[in-house]
Protein backbone atom coordinates (compact mmCIF):
# COMPACT_ATOMS: atom_id res chain seq x y z
CA ILE A 1 -90.34 -72.19 -39.36
CA PRO A 2 -93.61 -71.62 -40.75
CA ASP A 3 -95.42 -68.54 -39.21
CA SER A 4 -98.31 -70.53 -38.61
CA ALA A 5 -95.74 -72.31 -35.95
CA SER A 6 -96.91 -71.41 -32.67
CA VAL A 7 -94.54 -73.79 -30.54
CA ILE A 8 -91.57 -75.04 -31.35
CA ILE A 9 -89.82 -78.61 -29.56
CA ILE A 10 -86.44 -78.58 -29.79
CA ARG A 11 -86.01 -82.38 -28.97
CA MET A 12 -81.88 -82.67 -26.97
CA LYS A 13 -82.29 -86.21 -26.28
CA LYS A 14 -79.04 -86.49 -28.46
CA VAL A 15 -76.94 -83.80 -27.10
CA SER A 16 -74.57 -84.68 -24.45
CA TYR A 17 -72.34 -82.14 -24.33
CA MET A 18 -72.93 -77.67 -25.42
CA ASP A 19 -69.75 -75.71 -25.92
CA GLN A 20 -70.22 -71.81 -25.84
CA SER A 21 -69.90 -72.02 -29.43
CA GLY A 22 -73.37 -74.20 -29.00
CA LEU A 23 -75.01 -72.46 -26.62
CA SER A 24 -74.66 -69.18 -28.44
CA ALA A 25 -76.10 -70.42 -31.19
CA LEU A 26 -78.87 -72.21 -29.25
CA ASP A 27 -79.62 -68.29 -27.60
CA ASP A 28 -79.32 -66.55 -31.07
CA VAL A 29 -82.15 -69.23 -32.35
CA LEU A 30 -84.17 -68.88 -29.00
CA VAL A 31 -83.67 -64.80 -29.08
CA ASP A 32 -85.41 -64.97 -32.86
CA LEU A 33 -88.02 -67.40 -32.01
CA ARG A 34 -89.00 -65.39 -28.97
CA ALA A 35 -89.21 -61.76 -31.76
CA LYS A 36 -91.89 -64.10 -33.09
CA ASN A 37 -93.98 -65.11 -30.57
CA LYS A 38 -92.78 -68.50 -30.40
CA VAL A 39 -93.01 -70.93 -27.79
CA VAL A 40 -90.58 -73.32 -27.25
CA LEU A 41 -90.05 -76.35 -26.02
CA LEU A 42 -86.57 -78.01 -24.82
CA VAL A 43 -87.25 -81.89 -24.84
CA GLY A 44 -85.07 -84.58 -23.29
CA LEU A 45 -82.29 -82.51 -21.86
CA THR A 46 -78.97 -84.13 -20.67
CA LYS A 47 -77.66 -82.79 -17.54
CA GLN A 48 -74.47 -80.98 -18.41
CA PRO A 49 -75.77 -78.94 -21.12
CA THR A 50 -78.94 -78.15 -18.85
CA TYR A 51 -76.20 -77.34 -16.51
CA MET A 52 -75.13 -74.11 -19.12
CA LEU A 53 -78.38 -73.25 -20.06
CA LYS A 54 -79.14 -72.89 -16.77
CA LYS A 55 -75.64 -71.14 -16.19
CA SER A 56 -75.71 -68.62 -19.07
CA GLY A 57 -79.36 -67.84 -17.93
CA VAL A 58 -81.02 -69.17 -20.86
CA ILE A 59 -83.18 -70.91 -18.63
CA PRO A 60 -85.71 -69.62 -17.19
CA GLN A 61 -85.13 -65.94 -19.25
CA LEU A 62 -85.54 -67.27 -22.57
CA ILE A 63 -86.97 -70.81 -22.17
CA PRO A 64 -89.44 -71.03 -18.72
CA LEU A 65 -88.56 -73.46 -16.61
CA GLU A 66 -91.73 -75.10 -17.43
CA ASN A 67 -90.80 -75.15 -20.78
CA VAL A 68 -88.61 -77.85 -20.06
CA ILE A 69 -90.06 -80.85 -20.35
CA ALA A 70 -88.69 -85.08 -20.17
CA THR A 71 -89.77 -86.53 -23.23
CA TYR A 72 -91.71 -86.10 -26.65
CA GLN A 73 -94.69 -87.76 -25.38
CA GLU A 74 -94.93 -85.59 -22.10
CA ALA A 75 -94.21 -82.33 -25.04
CA LEU A 76 -97.08 -83.13 -27.21
CA GLU A 77 -99.20 -83.41 -23.87
CA TRP A 78 -98.01 -80.17 -23.47
CA ILE A 79 -99.15 -78.45 -26.21
CA LYS A 80 -102.49 -80.03 -26.36
CA THR A 81 -103.28 -78.39 -22.57
CA ASN A 82 -101.62 -75.27 -23.05
CA LYS A 83 -102.01 -74.54 -26.66
CA THR A 84 -103.11 -70.72 -27.15
């Protein structure tokens, strides 16, 4: 990810299941991105990964609920509206 990127979109639409190792890997990436002051948008989360991310506290501790977005197009609109 280039240093010039301020917003990172992680597309999760095809992730139907997340186990503990996947959760841990995503958590590590999110902590690293947060340390680099990157804004992360999770797009297209399905039911089970959403449950895992909320249960573990990733949502809302690392990813605020407002950064969980239904569609890629909505994420692009979010960036246009919230670009810093």
